[in-house]
Amino acid sequence: MNWSLLPTISAPMSIQMALDGLLFESQKKEVQAPTVRFYVSSAPWVSVGCSFRDSEVLLKSNLVLKNPQVPVCQRVTGGGCVLHGRDLIFSLIARYDRALTPFLAEEEPAHEKNPRPPLSLSSVRTSYGKIHEGVKIGLQLCGLDPKFYCCGDKMPKGSDCFDFPVESDLSWKGKKIAGGAQKRSEGVLLHHESILTPPGVEWGDLMAGVKQGLETVFGLSIQKVNLDPEMYFRAERKAMSREEVGHI
């Protein structure tokens, strides 16, 4: 089975989040191959999880308070606050519920646009761990030696993602280097991943490494495809409309 790799885009996080949201909805409407998209923020932005409903909640974040001039946008996924601009981000959008996904009979030729979801995506915990196995391989290919945070580690809770790791996040030199969050709806998942780019590591090398890691862990090939320009234009319009009403 192949997954699709969309072009890498540098744009404001408000547009990136809007685009992921549109791709997420598109996957729910029509059975498609899982989609991977690497991207970077064109300027400093803070993204916050879907539980951050208003500015009062934002004031609980030290990250937001320390960066008052940095614009804020909201993710569809959960989790806390993340400062973007020096990180590599990727999204994975895929069907995870086999019961809700039609697939061709075994005797019929496989069809890339009608794939059966991998069992490794069936639960949040399992998929989170598998995705981070792929990220770990990617970091290792860049010469790093990342470690998993484990359930036995002391991990206090807080609003700022990179200050408060959770189980299966990745650390390097004693600090969190990668973490993610998910949204699941109608048999489809959207996974957001942020990886702090280590000194001396190029984004291109990190992207190639993580792509290879995901291919290894999930046993598949990730092939480049084009993005419909209209989808990007819709994301721009959506981001602008949300900013106009002062949305988080």
Protein backbone atom coordinates (compact mmCIF):
# COMPACT_ATOMS: atom_id res chain seq x y z
CA MET A 1 0.00 0.00 0.00
CA ASN A 2 1.18 3.52 -0.81
CA TRP A 3 0.66 6.66 1.22
CA SER A 4 0.56 10.06 -0.45
CA LEU A 5 3.17 12.77 0.20
CA LEU A 6 1.94 16.28 -0.51
CA PRO A 7 4.33 19.14 -1.40
CA THR A 8 6.17 20.89 1.42
CA ILE A 9 4.79 24.39 2.07
CA SER A 10 6.13 27.36 4.03
CA ALA A 11 3.19 29.53 5.09
CA PRO A 12 1.64 31.14 8.19
CA MET A 13 0.39 28.56 10.66
CA SER A 14 -3.17 29.83 10.31
CA ILE A 15 -3.12 28.68 6.68
CA GLN A 16 -1.34 25.42 7.51
CA MET A 17 -3.98 24.57 10.12
CA ALA A 18 -6.82 25.49 7.76
CA LEU A 19 -5.32 23.29 5.04
CA ASP A 20 -4.98 20.30 7.37
CA GLY A 21 -8.58 20.80 8.42
CA LEU A 22 -9.77 20.75 4.80
CA LEU A 23 -7.71 17.63 4.03
CA PHE A 24 -9.15 15.98 7.14
CA GLU A 25 -12.72 16.70 6.00
CA SER A 26 -11.91 15.51 2.48
CA GLN A 27 -10.70 12.15 3.82
CA LYS A 28 -13.98 11.75 5.71
CA LYS A 29 -16.05 12.37 2.57
CA GLU A 30 -14.16 10.05 0.25
CA VAL A 31 -11.92 7.01 0.87
CA GLN A 32 -8.38 8.04 -0.04
CA ALA A 33 -4.85 6.86 0.56
CA PRO A 34 -3.38 8.16 3.85
CA THR A 35 -1.76 11.56 3.35
CA VAL A 36 1.50 12.85 4.84
CA ARG A 37 2.39 16.54 4.62
CA PHE A 38 5.61 18.15 5.88
CA TYR A 39 5.61 21.90 6.37
CA VAL A 40 7.17 24.83 8.21
CA SER A 41 5.80 28.08 9.59
CA SER A 42 6.91 31.09 7.53
CA ALA A 43 7.15 33.21 10.70
CA PRO A 44 6.87 32.68 14.46
CA TRP A 45 3.40 31.46 15.45
CA VAL A 46 1.92 29.73 18.47
CA SER A 47 -0.59 26.96 17.84
CA VAL A 48 -2.90 25.78 20.61
CA GLY A 49 -5.01 22.65 20.99
CA CYS A 50 -8.74 22.49 20.40
CA SER A 51 -9.48 22.77 24.15
CA PHE A 52 -8.26 26.39 24.20
CA ARG A 53 -11.55 28.16 23.65
CA ASP A 54 -10.82 31.77 24.62
CA SER A 55 -8.11 34.24 25.60
CA GLU A 56 -8.68 33.58 29.31
CA VAL A 57 -7.51 30.01 28.88
CA LEU A 58 -4.49 31.20 26.91
CA LEU A 59 -3.30 33.24 29.88
CA LYS A 60 -2.51 29.97 31.66
CA SER A 61 0.28 29.35 29.17
CA ASN A 62 3.73 30.69 30.06
CA LEU A 63 4.68 30.28 26.41
CA VAL A 64 1.94 32.65 25.28
CA LEU A 65 2.70 35.15 28.05
CA LYS A 66 6.40 35.19 27.13
CA ASN A 67 5.59 35.82 23.44
CA PRO A 68 2.84 38.47 23.47
CA GLN A 69 3.63 39.72 19.94
CA VAL A 70 3.44 36.26 18.35
CA PRO A 71 0.10 35.48 16.64
CA VAL A 72 -1.90 32.51 17.85
CA CYS A 73 -3.94 29.98 15.88
CA GLN A 74 -5.92 26.95 16.96
CA ARG A 75 -5.36 23.38 15.90
CA VAL A 76 -8.10 20.86 15.19
CA THR A 77 -6.09 18.39 17.25
CA GLY A 78 -5.68 18.35 21.03
CA GLY A 79 -2.64 19.07 23.16
CA GLY A 80 -1.23 22.31 24.49
CA CYS A 81 0.71 25.30 23.17
CA VAL A 82 3.57 25.04 20.67
CA LEU A 83 5.85 27.78 19.39
CA HIS A 84 6.56 27.33 15.68
CA GLY A 85 9.17 28.83 13.41
CA ARG A 86 12.19 26.65 14.09
CA ASP A 87 10.47 23.29 14.01
CA LEU A 88 9.55 20.85 11.25
CA ILE A 89 5.89 19.89 11.32
CA PHE A 90 4.07 17.08 9.62
CA SER A 91 0.48 15.94 9.50
CA LEU A 92 -0.78 12.44 8.85
CA ILE A 93 -4.39 12.05 7.75
CA ALA A 94 -5.66 8.50 7.45
CA ARG A 95 -8.60 6.20 8.03
CA TYR A 96 -8.18 4.08 11.15
CA ASP A 97 -11.52 2.28 11.51
CA ARG A 98 -11.64 -0.81 9.34
CA ALA A 99 -15.32 -1.31 10.07
CA LEU A 100 -16.11 2.07 8.47
CA THR A 101 -13.75 1.69 5.50
CA PRO A 102 -14.88 -0.26 2.43
CA PHE A 103 -12.14 -2.26 0.75
CA LEU A 104 -11.86 -4.57 -2.22
CA ALA A 105 -12.13 -8.31 -1.86
CA GLU A 106 -8.83 -10.15 -1.54
CA GLU A 107 -9.18 -11.79 -4.94
CA GLU A 108 -9.52 -8.42 -6.66
CA PRO A 109 -6.50 -6.24 -7.55
CA ALA A 110 -5.45 -3.80 -4.84
CA HIS A 111 -6.57 -0.23 -5.38
CA GLU A 112 -4.45 2.54 -3.91
CA LYS A 113 -7.43 4.84 -3.43
CA ASN A 114 -9.37 2.23 -1.48
CA PRO A 115 -6.81 0.94 1.06
CA ARG A 116 -7.56 -1.02 4.19
CA PRO A 117 -6.36 0.96 7.24
CA PRO A 118 -3.34 -0.48 9.09
CA LEU A 119 -4.17 -2.09 12.44
CA SER A 120 -1.37 0.02 13.94
CA LEU A 121 -3.57 3.11 13.53
CA SER A 122 -6.59 1.61 15.27
CA SER A 123 -6.04 3.22 18.70
CA VAL A 124 -4.63 6.58 19.78
CA ARG A 125 -1.96 5.02 21.99
CA THR A 126 -0.81 2.45 19.42
CA SER A 127 -0.74 4.91 16.52
CA TYR A 128 1.05 7.55 18.60
CA GLY A 129 3.75 5.05 19.52
CA LYS A 130 4.16 3.78 15.96
CA ILE A 131 4.37 7.26 14.47
CA HIS A 132 7.04 8.17 17.02
CA GLU A 133 8.98 5.04 16.16
CA GLY A 134 9.17 6.43 12.65
CA VAL A 135 10.22 9.86 13.91
CA LYS A 136 12.88 8.25 16.09
CA ILE A 137 14.34 6.43 13.08
CA GLY A 138 14.36 9.71 11.16
CA LEU A 139 16.27 11.46 13.92
CA GLN A 140 18.71 8.56 14.14
CA LEU A 141 19.36 8.82 10.40
CA CYS A 142 20.35 12.44 11.07
CA GLY A 143 22.95 11.30 13.61
CA LEU A 144 20.93 11.80 16.81
CA ASP A 145 20.15 9.35 19.60
CA PRO A 146 16.62 10.19 20.78
CA LYS A 147 14.89 8.42 23.66
CA PHE A 148 11.25 7.68 24.42
CA TYR A 149 9.59 9.13 27.48
CA CYS A 150 8.09 6.21 29.43
CA CYS A 151 5.07 5.95 31.73
CA GLY A 152 7.42 5.49 34.69
CA ASP A 153 9.13 8.84 34.11
CA LYS A 154 8.16 11.82 36.24
CA MET A 155 6.15 14.03 33.88
CA PRO A 156 4.24 16.93 35.45
CA LYS A 157 1.29 18.30 33.47
CA GLY A 158 1.05 21.77 31.96
CA SER A 159 -0.17 23.81 29.01
CA ASP A 160 3.09 24.11 27.04
CA CYS A 161 3.86 20.99 25.03
CA PHE A 162 7.65 21.10 24.95
CA ASP A 163 7.92 21.83 28.67
CA PHE A 164 5.58 19.01 29.64
CA PRO A 165 6.22 15.77 27.71
CA VAL A 166 3.92 12.77 27.77
CA GLU A 167 4.48 9.06 27.31
CA SER A 168 5.98 8.14 23.88
CA ASP A 169 7.20 11.68 23.19
CA LEU A 170 10.87 11.81 22.18
CA SER A 171 13.74 13.45 24.05
CA TRP A 172 17.29 14.31 23.03
CA LYS A 173 19.98 15.41 25.46
CA GLY A 174 17.44 15.44 28.26
CA LYS A 175 14.88 17.71 26.55
CA LYS A 176 11.77 16.99 24.54
CA ILE A 177 12.45 17.13 20.81
CA ALA A 178 9.25 15.73 19.28
CA GLY A 179 5.61 15.39 20.22
CA GLY A 180 2.21 15.13 18.62
CA ALA A 181 -1.53 15.37 19.02
CA GLN A 182 -4.52 13.77 17.33
CA LYS A 183 -8.10 14.35 16.30
CA ARG A 184 -10.39 11.41 15.43
CA SER A 185 -13.79 11.66 13.78
CA GLU A 186 -15.91 9.42 11.54
CA GLY A 187 -13.20 6.77 11.25
CA VAL A 188 -10.48 9.26 10.23
CA LEU A 189 -7.52 10.54 12.23
CA LEU A 190 -5.47 13.71 11.90
CA HIS A 191 -2.09 13.54 13.61
CA HIS A 192 0.01 16.68 14.07
CA GLU A 193 3.71 16.28 14.85
CA SER A 194 6.24 18.98 15.77
CA ILE A 195 9.96 18.21 15.70
CA LEU A 196 12.47 20.75 16.99
CA THR A 197 15.21 20.99 14.38
CA PRO A 198 18.54 20.15 16.04
CA PRO A 199 21.58 22.36 15.37
CA GLY A 200 23.39 21.30 12.21
CA VAL A 201 20.44 19.31 10.84
CA GLU A 202 18.78 20.53 7.65
CA TRP A 203 15.00 20.39 7.25
CA GLY A 204 15.38 18.45 4.02
CA ASP A 205 17.48 15.75 5.67
CA LEU A 206 15.07 15.52 8.59
CA MET A 207 12.07 15.20 6.26
CA ALA A 208 13.78 12.47 4.26
CA GLY A 209 14.73 10.63 7.45
CA VAL A 210 11.25 10.76 8.97
CA LYS A 211 9.69 9.69 5.67
CA GLN A 212 12.02 6.69 5.60
CA GLY A 213 11.24 5.96 9.23
CA LEU A 214 7.48 5.96 8.64
CA GLU A 215 7.92 3.71 5.59
CA THR A 216 9.96 1.28 7.68
CA VAL A 217 7.60 1.18 10.65
CA PHE A 218 4.39 0.89 8.65
CA GLY A 219 5.86 -1.29 5.89
CA LEU A 220 4.80 0.84 2.93
CA SER A 221 5.93 3.39 0.36
CA ILE A 222 5.18 7.12 0.60
CA GLN A 223 4.87 8.58 -2.89
CA LYS A 224 4.80 12.23 -3.96
CA VAL A 225 1.50 13.59 -5.25
CA ASN A 226 0.31 17.06 -6.22
CA LEU A 227 -1.88 19.31 -4.11
CA ASP A 228 -4.96 20.74 -5.78
CA PRO A 229 -4.27 24.52 -5.88
CA GLU A 230 -7.93 25.23 -5.12
CA MET A 231 -7.50 23.40 -1.80
CA TYR A 232 -4.71 25.83 -0.84
CA PHE A 233 -6.75 28.86 -1.92
CA ARG A 234 -9.66 27.62 0.19
CA ALA A 235 -7.30 27.30 3.16
CA GLU A 236 -6.15 30.90 2.64
CA ARG A 237 -9.72 32.17 2.58
CA LYS A 238 -10.63 30.12 5.64
CA ALA A 239 -7.61 31.41 7.58
CA MET A 240 -8.42 35.02 6.68
CA SER A 241 -12.06 34.69 7.74
CA ARG A 242 -11.07 33.22 11.10
CA GLU A 243 -8.54 36.00 11.72
CA GLU A 244 -11.11 38.66 10.86
CA VAL A 245 -13.41 37.51 13.65
CA GLY A 246 -10.52 37.35 16.12
CA HIS A 247 -10.56 33.57 16.41
CA ILE A 248 -7.86 32.01 18.55
